[in-house]
Amino acid sequence: MYVSYIAQIINNLHGQYGAPLQPFVAGVNCSLWSIYAYFKKDRDWPVFWANFPGVFFSFATFITCFHF
């Protein structure tokens, strides 16, 4: 699911900027789920690995949304 951010990252890098709020909130959500799954007493690896890539893709999309 979060691999779909690659197209938005490419658009952002080519000057067609998207809105930064949604990827930021998705990144926070993925971070919280990953932390929860990892630090749970019995680690929940499927939840961790499902959300871990979203941390990087979401925040990469968020950062590239800005006009630097």
PDB file of N, CA and C in Angstrom:
ATOM      1  N   MET A   1       0.829  -1.188   0.000  1.00  0.00           N
ATOM      2  CA  MET A   1       0.000   0.000   0.000  1.00  0.00           C
ATOM      3  C   MET A   1       0.879   1.260   0.000  1.00  0.00           C
ATOM      4  N   TYR A   2       1.893   1.270   0.808  1.00  0.00           N
ATOM      5  CA  TYR A   2       2.704   2.482   0.922  1.00  0.00           C
ATOM      6  C   TYR A   2       3.677   2.648  -0.239  1.00  0.00           C
ATOM      7  N   VAL A   3       3.852   1.602  -1.029  1.00  0.00           N
ATOM      8  CA  VAL A   3       4.691   1.701  -2.215  1.00  0.00           C
ATOM      9  C   VAL A   3       4.055   2.672  -3.219  1.00  0.00           C
ATOM     10  N   SER A   4       2.752   2.866  -3.113  1.00  0.00           N
ATOM     11  CA  SER A   4       2.073   3.802  -4.019  1.00  0.00           C
ATOM     12  C   SER A   4       2.553   5.240  -3.819  1.00  0.00           C
ATOM     13  N   TYR A   5       3.234   5.514  -2.720  1.00  0.00           N
ATOM     14  CA  TYR A   5       3.792   6.856  -2.504  1.00  0.00           C
ATOM     15  C   TYR A   5       4.958   7.157  -3.441  1.00  0.00           C
ATOM     16  N   ILE A   6       5.533   6.134  -4.043  1.00  0.00           N
ATOM     17  CA  ILE A   6       6.672   6.359  -4.943  1.00  0.00           C
ATOM     18  C   ILE A   6       6.289   7.292  -6.087  1.00  0.00           C
ATOM     19  N   ALA A   7       5.099   7.103  -6.654  1.00  0.00           N
ATOM     20  CA  ALA A   7       4.645   7.978  -7.741  1.00  0.00           C
ATOM     21  C   ALA A   7       4.512   9.423  -7.267  1.00  0.00           C
ATOM     22  N   GLN A   8       4.011   9.622  -6.049  1.00  0.00           N
ATOM     23  CA  GLN A   8       3.875  10.981  -5.517  1.00  0.00           C
ATOM     24  C   GLN A   8       5.242  11.592  -5.230  1.00  0.00           C
ATOM     25  N   ILE A   9       6.176  10.789  -4.754  1.00  0.00           N
ATOM     26  CA  ILE A   9       7.533  11.287  -4.514  1.00  0.00           C
ATOM     27  C   ILE A   9       8.147  11.759  -5.820  1.00  0.00           C
ATOM     28  N   ILE A  10       7.985  10.975  -6.873  1.00  0.00           N
ATOM     29  CA  ILE A  10       8.511  11.355  -8.191  1.00  0.00           C
ATOM     30  C   ILE A  10       7.855  12.646  -8.672  1.00  0.00           C
ATOM     31  N   ASN A  11       6.538  12.757  -8.527  1.00  0.00           N
ATOM     32  CA  ASN A  11       5.844  13.997  -8.920  1.00  0.00           C
ATOM     33  C   ASN A  11       6.356  15.184  -8.111  1.00  0.00           C
ATOM     34  N   ASN A  12       6.546  15.000  -6.820  1.00  0.00           N
ATOM     35  CA  ASN A  12       7.052  16.078  -5.978  1.00  0.00           C
ATOM     36  C   ASN A  12       8.433  16.536  -6.435  1.00  0.00           C
ATOM     37  N   LEU A  13       9.280  15.584  -6.786  1.00  0.00           N
ATOM     38  CA  LEU A  13      10.634  15.925  -7.220  1.00  0.00           C
ATOM     39  C   LEU A  13      10.648  16.613  -8.585  1.00  0.00           C
ATOM     40  N   HIS A  14       9.565  16.434  -9.354  1.00  0.00           N
ATOM     41  CA  HIS A  14       9.459  17.088 -10.659  1.00  0.00           C
ATOM     42  C   HIS A  14       8.611  18.361 -10.618  1.00  0.00           C
ATOM     43  N   GLY A  15       8.324  18.857  -9.430  1.00  0.00           N
ATOM     44  CA  GLY A  15       7.646  20.137  -9.299  1.00  0.00           C
ATOM     45  C   GLY A  15       6.138  20.073  -9.216  1.00  0.00           C
ATOM     46  N   GLN A  16       5.542  18.907  -9.248  1.00  0.00           N
ATOM     47  CA  GLN A  16       4.093  18.773  -9.107  1.00  0.00           C
ATOM     48  C   GLN A  16       3.807  18.342  -7.665  1.00  0.00           C
ATOM     49  N   TYR A  17       3.832  19.323  -6.779  1.00  0.00           N
ATOM     50  CA  TYR A  17       3.776  19.050  -5.352  1.00  0.00           C
ATOM     51  C   TYR A  17       2.383  18.630  -4.898  1.00  0.00           C
ATOM     52  N   GLY A  18       2.342  17.655  -4.010  1.00  0.00           N
ATOM     53  CA  GLY A  18       1.102  17.213  -3.405  1.00  0.00           C
ATOM     54  C   GLY A  18       0.943  17.826  -2.027  1.00  0.00           C
ATOM     55  N   ALA A  19      -0.172  17.526  -1.398  1.00  0.00           N
ATOM     56  CA  ALA A  19      -0.450  18.025  -0.055  1.00  0.00           C
ATOM     57  C   ALA A  19       0.368  17.218   0.962  1.00  0.00           C
ATOM     58  N   PRO A  20       1.007  17.880   1.923  1.00  0.00           N
ATOM     59  CA  PRO A  20       1.872  17.168   2.868  1.00  0.00           C
ATOM     60  C   PRO A  20       1.152  16.549   4.068  1.00  0.00           C
ATOM     61  N   LEU A  21      -0.079  16.934   4.342  1.00  0.00           N
ATOM     62  CA  LEU A  21      -0.739  16.493   5.571  1.00  0.00           C
ATOM     63  C   LEU A  21      -1.002  14.989   5.584  1.00  0.00           C
ATOM     64  N   GLN A  22      -1.563  14.443   4.526  1.00  0.00           N
ATOM     65  CA  GLN A  22      -1.921  13.027   4.500  1.00  0.00           C
ATOM     66  C   GLN A  22      -0.700  12.115   4.669  1.00  0.00           C
ATOM     67  N   PRO A  23       0.400  12.333   3.932  1.00  0.00           N
ATOM     68  CA  PRO A  23       1.557  11.458   4.156  1.00  0.00           C
ATOM     69  C   PRO A  23       2.164  11.607   5.554  1.00  0.00           C
ATOM     70  N   PHE A  24       2.104  12.808   6.117  1.00  0.00           N
ATOM     71  CA  PHE A  24       2.628  12.994   7.476  1.00  0.00           C
ATOM     72  C   PHE A  24       1.813  12.183   8.480  1.00  0.00           C
ATOM     73  N   VAL A  25       0.498  12.267   8.383  1.00  0.00           N
ATOM     74  CA  VAL A  25      -0.373  11.527   9.305  1.00  0.00           C
ATOM     75  C   VAL A  25      -0.211  10.023   9.098  1.00  0.00           C
ATOM     76  N   ALA A  26      -0.065   9.597   7.853  1.00  0.00           N
ATOM     77  CA  ALA A  26       0.171   8.174   7.583  1.00  0.00           C
ATOM     78  C   ALA A  26       1.502   7.728   8.189  1.00  0.00           C
ATOM     79  N   GLY A  27       2.519   8.573   8.124  1.00  0.00           N
ATOM     80  CA  GLY A  27       3.811   8.241   8.718  1.00  0.00           C
ATOM     81  C   GLY A  27       3.738   8.110  10.225  1.00  0.00           C
ATOM     82  N   VAL A  28       3.003   9.009  10.857  1.00  0.00           N
ATOM     83  CA  VAL A  28       2.816   8.927  12.310  1.00  0.00           C
ATOM     84  C   VAL A  28       2.060   7.644  12.656  1.00  0.00           C
ATOM     85  N   ASN A  29       1.013   7.348  11.892  1.00  0.00           N
ATOM     86  CA  ASN A  29       0.221   6.142  12.119  1.00  0.00           C
ATOM     87  C   ASN A  29       1.091   4.887  11.990  1.00  0.00           C
ATOM     88  N   CYS A  30       1.883   4.808  10.939  1.00  0.00           N
ATOM     89  CA  CYS A  30       2.758   3.647  10.735  1.00  0.00           C
ATOM     90  C   CYS A  30       3.801   3.545  11.840  1.00  0.00           C
ATOM     91  N   SER A  31       4.318   4.680  12.266  1.00  0.00           N
ATOM     92  CA  SER A  31       5.303   4.679  13.348  1.00  0.00           C
ATOM     93  C   SER A  31       4.696   4.123  14.634  1.00  0.00           C
ATOM     94  N   LEU A  32       3.514   4.579  14.964  1.00  0.00           N
ATOM     95  CA  LEU A  32       2.869   4.127  16.196  1.00  0.00           C
ATOM     96  C   LEU A  32       2.535   2.636  16.144  1.00  0.00           C
ATOM     97  N   TRP A  33       2.019   2.166  14.994  1.00  0.00           N
ATOM     98  CA  TRP A  33       1.712   0.737  14.869  1.00  0.00           C
ATOM     99  C   TRP A  33       2.978  -0.103  14.927  1.00  0.00           C
ATOM    100  N   SER A  34       4.055   0.371  14.319  1.00  0.00           N
ATOM    101  CA  SER A  34       5.314  -0.378  14.350  1.00  0.00           C
ATOM    102  C   SER A  34       5.869  -0.447  15.769  1.00  0.00           C
ATOM    103  N   ILE A  35       5.817   0.653  16.481  1.00  0.00           N
ATOM    104  CA  ILE A  35       6.283   0.672  17.870  1.00  0.00           C
ATOM    105  C   ILE A  35       5.445  -0.264  18.723  1.00  0.00           C
ATOM    106  N   TYR A  36       4.124  -0.188  18.550  1.00  0.00           N
ATOM    107  CA  TYR A  36       3.237  -1.066  19.314  1.00  0.00           C
ATOM    108  C   TYR A  36       3.545  -2.535  19.050  1.00  0.00           C
ATOM    109  N   ALA A  37       3.671  -2.906  17.765  1.00  0.00           N
ATOM    110  CA  ALA A  37       3.887  -4.306  17.404  1.00  0.00           C
ATOM    111  C   ALA A  37       5.239  -4.813  17.888  1.00  0.00           C
ATOM    112  N   TYR A  38       6.250  -3.967  17.862  1.00  0.00           N
ATOM    113  CA  TYR A  38       7.595  -4.384  18.265  1.00  0.00           C
ATOM    114  C   TYR A  38       7.723  -4.528  19.781  1.00  0.00           C
ATOM    115  N   PHE A  39       7.133  -3.608  20.525  1.00  0.00           N
ATOM    116  CA  PHE A  39       7.300  -3.618  21.977  1.00  0.00           C
ATOM    117  C   PHE A  39       6.207  -4.374  22.722  1.00  0.00           C
ATOM    118  N   LYS A  40       5.284  -4.969  21.997  1.00  0.00           N
ATOM    119  CA  LYS A  40       4.262  -5.815  22.607  1.00  0.00           C
ATOM    120  C   LYS A  40       4.948  -7.022  23.248  1.00  0.00           C
ATOM    121  N   LYS A  41       4.356  -7.580  24.302  1.00  0.00           N
ATOM    122  CA  LYS A  41       4.986  -8.697  25.008  1.00  0.00           C
ATOM    123  C   LYS A  41       5.319  -9.833  24.036  1.00  0.00           C
ATOM    124  N   ASP A  42       4.371 -10.280  23.291  1.00  0.00           N
ATOM    125  CA  ASP A  42       4.611 -11.251  22.214  1.00  0.00           C
ATOM    126  C   ASP A  42       4.622 -10.472  20.915  1.00  0.00           C
ATOM    127  N   ARG A  43       5.807 -10.177  20.398  1.00  0.00           N
ATOM    128  CA  ARG A  43       5.939  -9.319  19.216  1.00  0.00           C
ATOM    129  C   ARG A  43       5.016  -9.771  18.092  1.00  0.00           C
ATOM    130  N   ASP A  44       4.363  -8.800  17.498  1.00  0.00           N
ATOM    131  CA  ASP A  44       3.423  -9.051  16.412  1.00  0.00           C
ATOM    132  C   ASP A  44       4.118  -8.703  15.099  1.00  0.00           C
ATOM    133  N   TRP A  45       4.902  -9.653  14.571  1.00  0.00           N
ATOM    134  CA  TRP A  45       5.731  -9.380  13.396  1.00  0.00           C
ATOM    135  C   TRP A  45       4.931  -9.033  12.147  1.00  0.00           C
ATOM    136  N   PRO A  46       3.795  -9.664  11.868  1.00  0.00           N
ATOM    137  CA  PRO A  46       3.047  -9.260  10.666  1.00  0.00           C
ATOM    138  C   PRO A  46       2.607  -7.791  10.700  1.00  0.00           C
ATOM    139  N   VAL A  47       2.172  -7.323  11.855  1.00  0.00           N
ATOM    140  CA  VAL A  47       1.772  -5.918  11.971  1.00  0.00           C
ATOM    141  C   VAL A  47       2.987  -5.014  11.833  1.00  0.00           C
ATOM    142  N   PHE A  48       4.095  -5.405  12.432  1.00  0.00           N
ATOM    143  CA  PHE A  48       5.316  -4.605  12.333  1.00  0.00           C
ATOM    144  C   PHE A  48       5.767  -4.474  10.888  1.00  0.00           C
ATOM    145  N   TRP A  49       5.902  -5.616  10.184  1.00  0.00           N
ATOM    146  CA  TRP A  49       6.426  -5.570   8.811  1.00  0.00           C
ATOM    147  C   TRP A  49       5.436  -4.970   7.829  1.00  0.00           C
ATOM    148  N   ALA A  50       4.159  -4.999   8.135  1.00  0.00           N
ATOM    149  CA  ALA A  50       3.171  -4.354   7.265  1.00  0.00           C
ATOM    150  C   ALA A  50       3.254  -2.839   7.356  1.00  0.00           C
ATOM    151  N   ASN A  51       3.650  -2.308   8.507  1.00  0.00           N
ATOM    152  CA  ASN A  51       3.678  -0.862   8.719  1.00  0.00           C
ATOM    153  C   ASN A  51       5.060  -0.239   8.605  1.00  0.00           C
ATOM    154  N   PHE A  52       6.099  -1.016   8.779  1.00  0.00           N
ATOM    155  CA  PHE A  52       7.465  -0.483   8.777  1.00  0.00           C
ATOM    156  C   PHE A  52       7.830   0.231   7.472  1.00  0.00           C
ATOM    157  N   PRO A  53       7.534  -0.320   6.291  1.00  0.00           N
ATOM    158  CA  PRO A  53       7.856   0.418   5.056  1.00  0.00           C
ATOM    159  C   PRO A  53       7.094   1.741   4.951  1.00  0.00           C
ATOM    160  N   GLY A  54       5.910   1.789   5.526  1.00  0.00           N
ATOM    161  CA  GLY A  54       5.119   3.013   5.494  1.00  0.00           C
ATOM    162  C   GLY A  54       5.769   4.167   6.217  1.00  0.00           C
ATOM    163  N   VAL A  55       6.576   3.871   7.219  1.00  0.00           N
ATOM    164  CA  VAL A  55       7.294   4.923   7.944  1.00  0.00           C
ATOM    165  C   VAL A  55       8.202   5.670   6.972  1.00  0.00           C
ATOM    166  N   PHE A  56       8.974   4.931   6.200  1.00  0.00           N
ATOM    167  CA  PHE A  56       9.932   5.559   5.282  1.00  0.00           C
ATOM    168  C   PHE A  56       9.254   6.212   4.085  1.00  0.00           C
ATOM    169  N   PHE A  57       8.333   5.497   3.454  1.00  0.00           N
ATOM    170  CA  PHE A  57       7.672   6.044   2.271  1.00  0.00           C
ATOM    171  C   PHE A  57       6.814   7.264   2.613  1.00  0.00           C
ATOM    172  N   SER A  58       6.121   7.221   3.729  1.00  0.00           N
ATOM    173  CA  SER A  58       5.261   8.345   4.120  1.00  0.00           C
ATOM    174  C   SER A  58       6.074   9.593   4.425  1.00  0.00           C
ATOM    175  N   PHE A  59       7.131   9.435   5.222  1.00  0.00           N
ATOM    176  CA  PHE A  59       7.922  10.609   5.570  1.00  0.00           C
ATOM    177  C   PHE A  59       8.750  11.116   4.391  1.00  0.00           C
ATOM    178  N   ALA A  60       9.156  10.217   3.496  1.00  0.00           N
ATOM    179  CA  ALA A  60       9.842  10.670   2.281  1.00  0.00           C
ATOM    180  C   ALA A  60       8.895  11.499   1.418  1.00  0.00           C
ATOM    181  N   THR A  61       7.648  11.065   1.312  1.00  0.00           N
ATOM    182  CA  THR A  61       6.646  11.830   0.561  1.00  0.00           C
ATOM    183  C   THR A  61       6.394  13.171   1.228  1.00  0.00           C
ATOM    184  N   PHE A  62       6.275  13.167   2.546  1.00  0.00           N
ATOM    185  CA  PHE A  62       6.047  14.401   3.294  1.00  0.00           C
ATOM    186  C   PHE A  62       7.173  15.404   3.062  1.00  0.00           C
ATOM    187  N   ILE A  63       8.402  14.957   3.151  1.00  0.00           N
ATOM    188  CA  ILE A  63       9.548  15.852   2.989  1.00  0.00           C
ATOM    189  C   ILE A  63       9.631  16.422   1.577  1.00  0.00           C
ATOM    190  N   THR A  64       9.331  15.592   0.583  1.00  0.00           N
ATOM    191  CA  THR A  64       9.431  16.067  -0.797  1.00  0.00           C
ATOM    192  C   THR A  64       8.251  16.951  -1.214  1.00  0.00           C
ATOM    193  N   CYS A  65       7.234  17.079  -0.382  1.00  0.00           N
ATOM    194  CA  CYS A  65       6.089  17.945  -0.702  1.00  0.00           C
ATOM    195  C   CYS A  65       6.425  19.428  -0.604  1.00  0.00           C
ATOM    196  N   PHE A  66       7.545  19.743   0.008  1.00  0.00           N
ATOM    197  CA  PHE A  66       7.893  21.144   0.228  1.00  0.00           C
ATOM    198  C   PHE A  66       8.768  21.677  -0.886  1.00  0.00           C
ATOM    199  N   HIS A  67       8.621  22.952  -1.171  1.00  0.00           N
ATOM    200  CA  HIS A  67       9.345  23.630  -2.251  1.00  0.00           C
ATOM    201  C   HIS A  67      10.698  24.123  -1.734  1.00  0.00           C
ATOM    202  N   PHE A  68      11.720  23.286  -1.833  1.00  0.00           N
ATOM    203  CA  PHE A  68      13.047  23.690  -1.357  1.00  0.00           C
ATOM    204  C   PHE A  68      13.844  24.300  -2.474  1.00  0.00           C
TER     205      PHE A  68
END
